[in-house]
Amino acid sequence: RQLDGVQEVWVAEDGELGLELLASRSVDLVLLDLML
């Protein structure tokens, strides 16, 4: 959130919630933990 050019950061605790957020948000890039 402190980086230039970043307007919004949504967070999710698991893949299922992440996929739900993707379906309802306009996301440009996903940062994804491998061991979820």
Full PDB file with SEQRES, HELIX, SHEET, SSBOND, CRYST1, ORIGX, SCALE, CONECT and MASTER records, all heavy atoms in Angstrom:
SEQRES   1 A   36  ARG GLN LEU ASP GLY VAL GLN GLU VAL TRP VAL ALA GLU          
SEQRES   2 A   36  ASP GLY GLU LEU GLY LEU GLU LEU LEU ALA SER ARG SER          
SEQRES   3 A   36  VAL ASP LEU VAL LEU LEU ASP LEU MET LEU                      
HELIX    1 AA1 GLY A   15  SER A   24  1                                  10    
CRYST1    1.000    1.000    1.000  90.00  90.00  90.00 P 1           1          
ORIGX1      1.000000  0.000000  0.000000        0.00000                         
ORIGX2      0.000000  1.000000  0.000000        0.00000                         
ORIGX3      0.000000  0.000000  1.000000        0.00000                         
SCALE1      1.000000  0.000000  0.000000        0.00000                         
SCALE2      0.000000  1.000000  0.000000        0.00000                         
SCALE3      0.000000  0.000000  1.000000        0.00000                         
ATOM      1  N   ARG A   1       0.819  -1.218   0.000  1.00  0.00           N  
ATOM      2  CA  ARG A   1       0.000   0.000   0.000  1.00  0.00           C  
ATOM      3  C   ARG A   1       0.848   1.261   0.000  1.00  0.00           C  
ATOM      4  O   ARG A   1       0.357   2.344  -0.336  1.00  0.00           O  
ATOM      5  CB  ARG A   1      -0.946  -0.012   1.204  1.00  0.00           C  
ATOM      6  CG  ARG A   1      -2.035  -1.087   1.112  1.00  0.00           C  
ATOM      7  CD  ARG A   1      -3.015  -1.027   2.256  1.00  0.00           C  
ATOM      8  NE  ARG A   1      -4.081  -2.017   2.087  1.00  0.00           N  
ATOM      9  CZ  ARG A   1      -4.236  -3.082   2.866  1.00  0.00           C  
ATOM     10  NH1 ARG A   1      -3.407  -3.286   3.895  1.00  0.00           N  
ATOM     11  NH2 ARG A   1      -5.213  -3.937   2.639  1.00  0.00           N  
ATOM     12  N   GLN A   2       2.116   1.141   0.352  1.00  0.00           N  
ATOM     13  CA  GLN A   2       3.008   2.294   0.368  1.00  0.00           C  
ATOM     14  C   GLN A   2       3.728   2.513  -0.958  1.00  0.00           C  
ATOM     15  O   GLN A   2       4.396   3.533  -1.136  1.00  0.00           O  
ATOM     16  CB  GLN A   2       4.054   2.123   1.486  1.00  0.00           C  
ATOM     17  CG  GLN A   2       3.451   2.125   2.889  1.00  0.00           C  
ATOM     18  CD  GLN A   2       4.477   1.771   3.959  1.00  0.00           C  
ATOM     19  OE1 GLN A   2       5.560   1.278   3.668  1.00  0.00           O  
ATOM     20  NE2 GLN A   2       4.121   2.020   5.212  1.00  0.00           N  
ATOM     21  N   LEU A   3       3.573   1.582  -1.892  1.00  0.00           N  
ATOM     22  CA  LEU A   3       4.283   1.681  -3.165  1.00  0.00           C  
ATOM     23  C   LEU A   3       3.572   2.637  -4.111  1.00  0.00           C  
ATOM     24  O   LEU A   3       2.351   2.711  -4.143  1.00  0.00           O  
ATOM     25  CB  LEU A   3       4.386   0.300  -3.819  1.00  0.00           C  
ATOM     26  CG  LEU A   3       5.125  -0.788  -3.038  1.00  0.00           C  
ATOM     27  CD1 LEU A   3       5.125  -2.092  -3.828  1.00  0.00           C  
ATOM     28  CD2 LEU A   3       6.555  -0.354  -2.736  1.00  0.00           C  
ATOM     29  N   ASP A   4       4.366   3.368  -4.890  1.00  0.00           N  
ATOM     30  CA  ASP A   4       3.803   4.254  -5.895  1.00  0.00           C  
ATOM     31  C   ASP A   4       3.020   3.442  -6.928  1.00  0.00           C  
ATOM     32  O   ASP A   4       3.456   2.378  -7.360  1.00  0.00           O  
ATOM     33  CB  ASP A   4       4.913   5.029  -6.615  1.00  0.00           C  
ATOM     34  CG  ASP A   4       5.587   6.054  -5.716  1.00  0.00           C  
ATOM     35  OD1 ASP A   4       4.965   6.453  -4.714  1.00  0.00           O  
ATOM     36  OD2 ASP A   4       6.731   6.442  -6.016  1.00  0.00           O  
ATOM     37  N   GLY A   5       1.888   3.950  -7.304  1.00  0.00           N  
ATOM     38  CA  GLY A   5       1.093   3.291  -8.341  1.00  0.00           C  
ATOM     39  C   GLY A   5       0.122   2.252  -7.829  1.00  0.00           C  
ATOM     40  O   GLY A   5      -0.664   1.713  -8.615  1.00  0.00           O  
ATOM     41  N   VAL A   6       0.158   1.941  -6.552  1.00  0.00           N  
ATOM     42  CA  VAL A   6      -0.770   0.956  -5.980  1.00  0.00           C  
ATOM     43  C   VAL A   6      -1.968   1.693  -5.389  1.00  0.00           C  
ATOM     44  O   VAL A   6      -1.829   2.485  -4.461  1.00  0.00           O  
ATOM     45  CB  VAL A   6      -0.081   0.099  -4.899  1.00  0.00           C  
ATOM     46  CG1 VAL A   6      -1.099  -0.813  -4.220  1.00  0.00           C  
ATOM     47  CG2 VAL A   6       1.041  -0.718  -5.513  1.00  0.00           C  
ATOM     48  N   GLN A   7      -3.134   1.448  -5.975  1.00  0.00           N  
ATOM     49  CA  GLN A   7      -4.350   2.112  -5.501  1.00  0.00           C  
ATOM     50  C   GLN A   7      -5.107   1.287  -4.455  1.00  0.00           C  
ATOM     51  O   GLN A   7      -5.737   1.832  -3.562  1.00  0.00           O  
ATOM     52  CB  GLN A   7      -5.303   2.382  -6.675  1.00  0.00           C  
ATOM     53  CG  GLN A   7      -4.886   3.531  -7.580  1.00  0.00           C  
ATOM     54  CD  GLN A   7      -3.845   3.116  -8.584  1.00  0.00           C  
ATOM     55  OE1 GLN A   7      -3.923   2.041  -9.157  1.00  0.00           O  
ATOM     56  NE2 GLN A   7      -2.844   3.962  -8.799  1.00  0.00           N  
ATOM     57  N   GLU A   8      -5.049  -0.039  -4.592  1.00  0.00           N  
ATOM     58  CA  GLU A   8      -5.840  -0.888  -3.700  1.00  0.00           C  
ATOM     59  C   GLU A   8      -5.142  -2.228  -3.504  1.00  0.00           C  
ATOM     60  O   GLU A   8      -4.543  -2.763  -4.437  1.00  0.00           O  
ATOM     61  CB  GLU A   8      -7.232  -1.106  -4.302  1.00  0.00           C  
ATOM     62  CG  GLU A   8      -8.207  -1.863  -3.419  1.00  0.00           C  
ATOM     63  CD  GLU A   8      -8.620  -1.070  -2.193  1.00  0.00           C  
ATOM     64  OE1 GLU A   8      -9.288  -0.034  -2.347  1.00  0.00           O  
ATOM     65  OE2 GLU A   8      -8.239  -1.490  -1.082  1.00  0.00           O  
ATOM     66  N   VAL A   9      -5.223  -2.742  -2.287  1.00  0.00           N  
ATOM     67  CA  VAL A   9      -4.713  -4.080  -1.988  1.00  0.00           C  
ATOM     68  C   VAL A   9      -5.798  -4.833  -1.227  1.00  0.00           C  
ATOM     69  O   VAL A   9      -6.136  -4.487  -0.097  1.00  0.00           O  
ATOM     70  CB  VAL A   9      -3.426  -4.042  -1.139  1.00  0.00           C  
ATOM     71  CG1 VAL A   9      -2.947  -5.468  -0.844  1.00  0.00           C  
ATOM     72  CG2 VAL A   9      -2.328  -3.250  -1.843  1.00  0.00           C  
ATOM     73  N   TRP A  10      -6.370  -5.844  -1.877  1.00  0.00           N  
ATOM     74  CA  TRP A  10      -7.310  -6.713  -1.198  1.00  0.00           C  
ATOM     75  C   TRP A  10      -6.557  -7.933  -0.678  1.00  0.00           C  
ATOM     76  O   TRP A  10      -5.556  -8.349  -1.268  1.00  0.00           O  
ATOM     77  CB  TRP A  10      -8.421  -7.165  -2.144  1.00  0.00           C  
ATOM     78  CG  TRP A  10      -9.330  -6.043  -2.549  1.00  0.00           C  
ATOM     79  CD1 TRP A  10     -10.246  -5.384  -1.784  1.00  0.00           C  
ATOM     80  CD2 TRP A  10      -9.402  -5.428  -3.852  1.00  0.00           C  
ATOM     81  NE1 TRP A  10     -10.876  -4.407  -2.511  1.00  0.00           N  
ATOM     82  CE2 TRP A  10     -10.387  -4.411  -3.783  1.00  0.00           C  
ATOM     83  CE3 TRP A  10      -8.736  -5.641  -5.059  1.00  0.00           C  
ATOM     84  CZ2 TRP A  10     -10.720  -3.606  -4.873  1.00  0.00           C  
ATOM     85  CZ3 TRP A  10      -9.065  -4.840  -6.151  1.00  0.00           C  
ATOM     86  CH2 TRP A  10     -10.037  -3.843  -6.056  1.00  0.00           C  
ATOM     87  N   VAL A  11      -7.033  -8.516   0.411  1.00  0.00           N  
ATOM     88  CA  VAL A  11      -6.356  -9.662   0.997  1.00  0.00           C  
ATOM     89  C   VAL A  11      -7.346 -10.815   1.188  1.00  0.00           C  
ATOM     90  O   VAL A  11      -8.538 -10.604   1.419  1.00  0.00           O  
ATOM     91  CB  VAL A  11      -5.691  -9.311   2.350  1.00  0.00           C  
ATOM     92  CG1 VAL A  11      -4.599  -8.279   2.163  1.00  0.00           C  
ATOM     93  CG2 VAL A  11      -6.721  -8.816   3.357  1.00  0.00           C  
ATOM     94  N   ALA A  12      -6.816 -12.024   1.077  1.00  0.00           N  
ATOM     95  CA  ALA A  12      -7.602 -13.237   1.312  1.00  0.00           C  
ATOM     96  C   ALA A  12      -6.710 -14.243   2.020  1.00  0.00           C  
ATOM     97  O   ALA A  12      -5.490 -14.268   1.795  1.00  0.00           O  
ATOM     98  CB  ALA A  12      -8.121 -13.815   0.000  1.00  0.00           C  
ATOM     99  N   GLU A  13      -7.299 -15.079   2.868  1.00  0.00           N  
ATOM    100  CA  GLU A  13      -6.528 -16.022   3.668  1.00  0.00           C  
ATOM    101  C   GLU A  13      -6.410 -17.399   3.031  1.00  0.00           C  
ATOM    102  O   GLU A  13      -5.647 -18.228   3.508  1.00  0.00           O  
ATOM    103  CB  GLU A  13      -7.134 -16.145   5.065  1.00  0.00           C  
ATOM    104  CG  GLU A  13      -7.063 -14.852   5.869  1.00  0.00           C  
ATOM    105  CD  GLU A  13      -7.633 -14.999   7.259  1.00  0.00           C  
ATOM    106  OE1 GLU A  13      -8.160 -16.089   7.570  1.00  0.00           O  
ATOM    107  OE2 GLU A  13      -7.544 -14.035   8.038  1.00  0.00           O  
ATOM    108  N   ASP A  14      -7.168 -17.651   1.962  1.00  0.00           N  
ATOM    109  CA  ASP A  14      -7.069 -18.943   1.296  1.00  0.00           C  
ATOM    110  C   ASP A  14      -7.486 -18.793  -0.160  1.00  0.00           C  
ATOM    111  O   ASP A  14      -7.994 -17.745  -0.578  1.00  0.00           O  
ATOM    112  CB  ASP A  14      -7.903 -20.019   1.995  1.00  0.00           C  
ATOM    113  CG  ASP A  14      -9.368 -19.641   2.134  1.00  0.00           C  
ATOM    114  OD1 ASP A  14      -9.973 -19.208   1.121  1.00  0.00           O  
ATOM    115  OD2 ASP A  14      -9.933 -19.780   3.236  1.00  0.00           O  
ATOM    116  N   GLY A  15      -7.263 -19.864  -0.938  1.00  0.00           N  
ATOM    117  CA  GLY A  15      -7.542 -19.806  -2.357  1.00  0.00           C  
ATOM    118  C   GLY A  15      -9.012 -19.628  -2.679  1.00  0.00           C  
ATOM    119  O   GLY A  15      -9.370 -18.900  -3.610  1.00  0.00           O  
ATOM    120  N   GLU A  16      -9.882 -20.279  -1.922  1.00  0.00           N  
ATOM    121  CA  GLU A  16     -11.314 -20.180  -2.190  1.00  0.00           C  
ATOM    122  C   GLU A  16     -11.796 -18.740  -2.047  1.00  0.00           C  
ATOM    123  O   GLU A  16     -12.514 -18.226  -2.921  1.00  0.00           O  
ATOM    124  CB  GLU A  16     -12.100 -21.088  -1.236  1.00  0.00           C  
ATOM    125  CG  GLU A  16     -11.926 -22.581  -1.498  1.00  0.00           C  
ATOM    126  CD  GLU A  16     -10.724 -23.186  -0.766  1.00  0.00           C  
ATOM    127  OE1 GLU A  16      -9.870 -22.410  -0.281  1.00  0.00           O  
ATOM    128  OE2 GLU A  16     -10.652 -24.421  -0.682  1.00  0.00           O  
ATOM    129  N   LEU A  17     -11.395 -18.081  -0.964  1.00  0.00           N  
ATOM    130  CA  LEU A  17     -11.800 -16.686  -0.755  1.00  0.00           C  
ATOM    131  C   LEU A  17     -11.153 -15.789  -1.815  1.00  0.00           C  
ATOM    132  O   LEU A  17     -11.779 -14.849  -2.311  1.00  0.00           O  
ATOM    133  CB  LEU A  17     -11.402 -16.221   0.645  1.00  0.00           C  
ATOM    134  CG  LEU A  17     -11.746 -14.766   1.003  1.00  0.00           C  
ATOM    135  CD1 LEU A  17     -13.241 -14.508   0.833  1.00  0.00           C  
ATOM    136  CD2 LEU A  17     -11.310 -14.449   2.430  1.00  0.00           C  
ATOM    137  N   GLY A  18      -9.925 -16.115  -2.176  1.00  0.00           N  
ATOM    138  CA  GLY A  18      -9.251 -15.339  -3.211  1.00  0.00           C  
ATOM    139  C   GLY A  18      -9.993 -15.392  -4.530  1.00  0.00           C  
ATOM    140  O   GLY A  18     -10.172 -14.367  -5.210  1.00  0.00           O  
ATOM    141  N   LEU A  19     -10.452 -16.571  -4.915  1.00  0.00           N  
ATOM    142  CA  LEU A  19     -11.202 -16.725  -6.163  1.00  0.00           C  
ATOM    143  C   LEU A  19     -12.532 -15.978  -6.100  1.00  0.00           C  
ATOM    144  O   LEU A  19     -12.978 -15.402  -7.105  1.00  0.00           O  
ATOM    145  CB  LEU A  19     -11.430 -18.204  -6.462  1.00  0.00           C  
ATOM    146  CG  LEU A  19     -10.171 -19.018  -6.790  1.00  0.00           C  
ATOM    147  CD1 LEU A  19     -10.504 -20.499  -6.882  1.00  0.00           C  
ATOM    148  CD2 LEU A  19      -9.525 -18.534  -8.086  1.00  0.00           C  
ATOM    149  N   GLU A  20     -13.160 -15.970  -4.928  1.00  0.00           N  
ATOM    150  CA  GLU A  20     -14.409 -15.217  -4.761  1.00  0.00           C  
ATOM    151  C   GLU A  20     -14.161 -13.719  -4.944  1.00  0.00           C  
ATOM    152  O   GLU A  20     -14.952 -13.027  -5.605  1.00  0.00           O  
ATOM    153  CB  GLU A  20     -15.009 -15.482  -3.382  1.00  0.00           C  
ATOM    154  CG  GLU A  20     -15.568 -16.885  -3.202  1.00  0.00           C  
ATOM    155  CD  GLU A  20     -16.128 -17.101  -1.807  1.00  0.00           C  
ATOM    156  OE1 GLU A  20     -16.244 -16.100  -1.057  1.00  0.00           O  
ATOM    157  OE2 GLU A  20     -16.451 -18.247  -1.460  1.00  0.00           O  
ATOM    158  N   LEU A  21     -13.063 -13.223  -4.378  1.00  0.00           N  
ATOM    159  CA  LEU A  21     -12.743 -11.807  -4.531  1.00  0.00           C  
ATOM    160  C   LEU A  21     -12.442 -11.461  -5.987  1.00  0.00           C  
ATOM    161  O   LEU A  21     -12.832 -10.398  -6.478  1.00  0.00           O  
ATOM    162  CB  LEU A  21     -11.548 -11.440  -3.642  1.00  0.00           C  
ATOM    163  CG  LEU A  21     -11.829 -11.321  -2.142  1.00  0.00           C  
ATOM    164  CD1 LEU A  21     -10.537 -11.112  -1.370  1.00  0.00           C  
ATOM    165  CD2 LEU A  21     -12.794 -10.172  -1.877  1.00  0.00           C  
ATOM    166  N   LEU A  22     -11.760 -12.357  -6.689  1.00  0.00           N  
ATOM    167  CA  LEU A  22     -11.452 -12.116  -8.099  1.00  0.00           C  
ATOM    168  C   LEU A  22     -12.725 -11.968  -8.925  1.00  0.00           C  
ATOM    169  O   LEU A  22     -12.750 -11.212  -9.903  1.00  0.00           O  
ATOM    170  CB  LEU A  22     -10.612 -13.263  -8.664  1.00  0.00           C  
ATOM    171  CG  LEU A  22      -9.110 -13.227  -8.402  1.00  0.00           C  
ATOM    172  CD1 LEU A  22      -8.441 -14.429  -9.046  1.00  0.00           C  
ATOM    173  CD2 LEU A  22      -8.491 -11.937  -8.925  1.00  0.00           C  
ATOM    174  N   ALA A  23     -13.744 -12.693  -8.545  1.00  0.00           N  
ATOM    175  CA  ALA A  23     -14.997 -12.648  -9.299  1.00  0.00           C  
ATOM    176  C   ALA A  23     -15.760 -11.348  -9.077  1.00  0.00           C  
ATOM    177  O   ALA A  23     -16.631 -11.003  -9.885  1.00  0.00           O  
ATOM    178  CB  ALA A  23     -15.874 -13.839  -8.913  1.00  0.00           C  
ATOM    179  N   SER A  24     -15.423 -10.629  -8.015  1.00  0.00           N  
ATOM    180  CA  SER A  24     -16.188  -9.421  -7.687  1.00  0.00           C  
ATOM    181  C   SER A  24     -15.351  -8.149  -7.643  1.00  0.00           C  
ATOM    182  O   SER A  24     -15.878  -7.070  -7.378  1.00  0.00           O  
ATOM    183  CB  SER A  24     -16.869  -9.610  -6.320  1.00  0.00           C  
ATOM    184  OG  SER A  24     -15.901  -9.818  -5.294  1.00  0.00           O  
ATOM    185  N   ARG A  25     -14.049  -8.261  -7.934  1.00  0.00           N  
ATOM    186  CA  ARG A  25     -13.168  -7.102  -7.905  1.00  0.00           C  
ATOM    187  C   ARG A  25     -12.421  -6.968  -9.231  1.00  0.00           C  
ATOM    188  O   ARG A  25     -12.212  -7.947  -9.935  1.00  0.00           O  
ATOM    189  CB  ARG A  25     -12.134  -7.220  -6.769  1.00  0.00           C  
ATOM    190  CG  ARG A  25     -12.694  -7.409  -5.387  1.00  0.00           C  
ATOM    191  CD  ARG A  25     -13.331  -6.128  -4.847  1.00  0.00           C  
ATOM    192  NE  ARG A  25     -13.621  -6.231  -3.421  1.00  0.00           N  
ATOM    193  CZ  ARG A  25     -14.696  -6.779  -2.902  1.00  0.00           C  
ATOM    194  NH1 ARG A  25     -15.605  -7.309  -3.709  1.00  0.00           N  
ATOM    195  NH2 ARG A  25     -14.888  -6.813  -1.599  1.00  0.00           N  
ATOM    196  N   SER A  26     -12.016  -5.757  -9.544  1.00  0.00           N  
ATOM    197  CA  SER A  26     -11.202  -5.515 -10.740  1.00  0.00           C  
ATOM    198  C   SER A  26      -9.739  -5.534 -10.331  1.00  0.00           C  
ATOM    199  O   SER A  26      -9.199  -4.534  -9.848  1.00  0.00           O  
ATOM    200  CB  SER A  26     -11.573  -4.168 -11.366  1.00  0.00           C  
ATOM    201  OG  SER A  26     -10.788  -3.910 -12.509  1.00  0.00           O  
ATOM    202  N   VAL A  27      -9.106  -6.690 -10.503  1.00  0.00           N  
ATOM    203  CA  VAL A  27      -7.732  -6.910 -10.032  1.00  0.00           C  
ATOM    204  C   VAL A  27      -6.766  -6.884 -11.218  1.00  0.00           C  
ATOM    205  O   VAL A  27      -7.076  -7.404 -12.289  1.00  0.00           O  
ATOM    206  CB  VAL A  27      -7.633  -8.267  -9.295  1.00  0.00           C  
ATOM    207  CG1 VAL A  27      -6.194  -8.576  -8.894  1.00  0.00           C  
ATOM    208  CG2 VAL A  27      -8.533  -8.259  -8.069  1.00  0.00           C  
ATOM    209  N   ASP A  28      -5.595  -6.276 -11.017  1.00  0.00           N  
ATOM    210  CA  ASP A  28      -4.579  -6.211 -12.064  1.00  0.00           C  
ATOM    211  C   ASP A  28      -3.518  -7.295 -11.915  1.00  0.00           C  
ATOM    212  O   ASP A  28      -2.923  -7.719 -12.920  1.00  0.00           O  
ATOM    213  CB  ASP A  28      -3.879  -4.842 -12.041  1.00  0.00           C  
ATOM    214  CG  ASP A  28      -4.836  -3.705 -12.315  1.00  0.00           C  
ATOM    215  OD1 ASP A  28      -5.561  -3.773 -13.330  1.00  0.00           O  
ATOM    216  OD2 ASP A  28      -4.874  -2.753 -11.514  1.00  0.00           O  
ATOM    217  N   LEU A  29      -3.270  -7.750 -10.676  1.00  0.00           N  
ATOM    218  CA  LEU A  29      -2.211  -8.723 -10.430  1.00  0.00           C  
ATOM    219  C   LEU A  29      -2.473  -9.428  -9.110  1.00  0.00           C  
ATOM    220  O   LEU A  29      -2.981  -8.818  -8.167  1.00  0.00           O  
ATOM    221  CB  LEU A  29      -0.851  -8.019 -10.416  1.00  0.00           C  
ATOM    222  CG  LEU A  29       0.409  -8.880 -10.356  1.00  0.00           C  
ATOM    223  CD1 LEU A  29       1.556  -8.215 -11.131  1.00  0.00           C  
ATOM    224  CD2 LEU A  29       0.856  -9.110  -8.911  1.00  0.00           C  
ATOM    225  N   VAL A  30      -2.114 -10.711  -9.063  1.00  0.00           N  
ATOM    226  CA  VAL A  30      -2.328 -11.523  -7.859  1.00  0.00           C  
ATOM    227  C   VAL A  30      -0.981 -11.925  -7.263  1.00  0.00           C  
ATOM    228  O   VAL A  30      -0.106 -12.418  -7.974  1.00  0.00           O  
ATOM    229  CB  VAL A  30      -3.138 -12.790  -8.176  1.00  0.00           C  
ATOM    230  CG1 VAL A  30      -3.310 -13.646  -6.916  1.00  0.00           C  
ATOM    231  CG2 VAL A  30      -4.488 -12.436  -8.779  1.00  0.00           C  
ATOM    232  N   LEU A  31      -0.819 -11.692  -5.969  1.00  0.00           N  
ATOM    233  CA  LEU A  31       0.329 -12.206  -5.216  1.00  0.00           C  
ATOM    234  C   LEU A  31      -0.187 -13.387  -4.408  1.00  0.00           C  
ATOM    235  O   LEU A  31      -1.123 -13.243  -3.605  1.00  0.00           O  
ATOM    236  CB  LEU A  31       0.915 -11.148  -4.298  1.00  0.00           C  
ATOM    237  CG  LEU A  31       1.495  -9.902  -4.987  1.00  0.00           C  
ATOM    238  CD1 LEU A  31       0.439  -8.792  -5.041  1.00  0.00           C  
ATOM    239  CD2 LEU A  31       2.735  -9.398  -4.252  1.00  0.00           C  
ATOM    240  N   LEU A  32       0.409 -14.545  -4.611  1.00  0.00           N  
ATOM    241  CA  LEU A  32      -0.171 -15.799  -4.116  1.00  0.00           C  
ATOM    242  C   LEU A  32       0.846 -16.617  -3.338  1.00  0.00           C  
ATOM    243  O   LEU A  32       1.897 -16.978  -3.864  1.00  0.00           O  
ATOM    244  CB  LEU A  32      -0.696 -16.599  -5.311  1.00  0.00           C  
ATOM    245  CG  LEU A  32      -1.238 -18.001  -5.061  1.00  0.00           C  
ATOM    246  CD1 LEU A  32      -2.472 -17.956  -4.169  1.00  0.00           C  
ATOM    247  CD2 LEU A  32      -1.569 -18.673  -6.392  1.00  0.00           C  
ATOM    248  N   ASP A  33       0.498 -16.929  -2.093  1.00  0.00           N  
ATOM    249  CA  ASP A  33       1.322 -17.815  -1.275  1.00  0.00           C  
ATOM    250  C   ASP A  33       1.199 -19.243  -1.801  1.00  0.00           C  
ATOM    251  O   ASP A  33       0.103 -19.700  -2.134  1.00  0.00           O  
ATOM    252  CB  ASP A  33       0.864 -17.738   0.179  1.00  0.00           C  
ATOM    253  CG  ASP A  33       1.658 -18.648   1.103  1.00  0.00           C  
ATOM    254  OD1 ASP A  33       2.824 -18.940   0.795  1.00  0.00           O  
ATOM    255  OD2 ASP A  33       1.099 -19.074   2.125  1.00  0.00           O  
ATOM    256  N   LEU A  34       2.315 -19.940  -1.872  1.00  0.00           N  
ATOM    257  CA  LEU A  34       2.298 -21.298  -2.411  1.00  0.00           C  
ATOM    258  C   LEU A  34       1.642 -22.293  -1.457  1.00  0.00           C  
ATOM    259  O   LEU A  34       0.869 -23.157  -1.877  1.00  0.00           O  
ATOM    260  CB  LEU A  34       3.733 -21.749  -2.717  1.00  0.00           C  
ATOM    261  CG  LEU A  34       3.900 -23.144  -3.306  1.00  0.00           C  
ATOM    262  CD1 LEU A  34       3.210 -23.247  -4.662  1.00  0.00           C  
ATOM    263  CD2 LEU A  34       5.380 -23.490  -3.436  1.00  0.00           C  
ATOM    264  N   MET A  35       1.944 -22.190  -0.161  1.00  0.00           N  
ATOM    265  CA  MET A  35       1.489 -23.184   0.808  1.00  0.00           C  
ATOM    266  C   MET A  35       0.236 -22.692   1.533  1.00  0.00           C  
ATOM    267  O   MET A  35       0.286 -22.213   2.656  1.00  0.00           O  
ATOM    268  CB  MET A  35       2.614 -23.481   1.804  1.00  0.00           C  
ATOM    269  CG  MET A  35       3.940 -23.874   1.149  1.00  0.00           C  
ATOM    270  SD  MET A  35       3.806 -25.293   0.025  1.00  0.00           S  
ATOM    271  CE  MET A  35       3.580 -26.609   1.218  1.00  0.00           C  
ATOM    272  N   LEU A  36      -0.892 -22.800   0.842  1.00  0.00           N  
ATOM    273  CA  LEU A  36      -2.161 -22.354   1.409  1.00  0.00           C  
ATOM    274  C   LEU A  36      -2.959 -23.537   1.946  1.00  0.00           C  
ATOM    275  O   LEU A  36      -2.847 -24.648   1.423  1.00  0.00           O  
ATOM    276  CB  LEU A  36      -2.993 -21.652   0.342  1.00  0.00           C  
ATOM    277  CG  LEU A  36      -2.544 -20.268  -0.132  1.00  0.00           C  
ATOM    278  CD1 LEU A  36      -3.408 -19.833  -1.311  1.00  0.00           C  
ATOM    279  CD2 LEU A  36      -2.626 -19.248   0.987  1.00  0.00           C  
TER     280      LEU A  36                                                      
MASTER        0    0    0    1    0    0    0    6  279    1    0    3          
END                                                                             
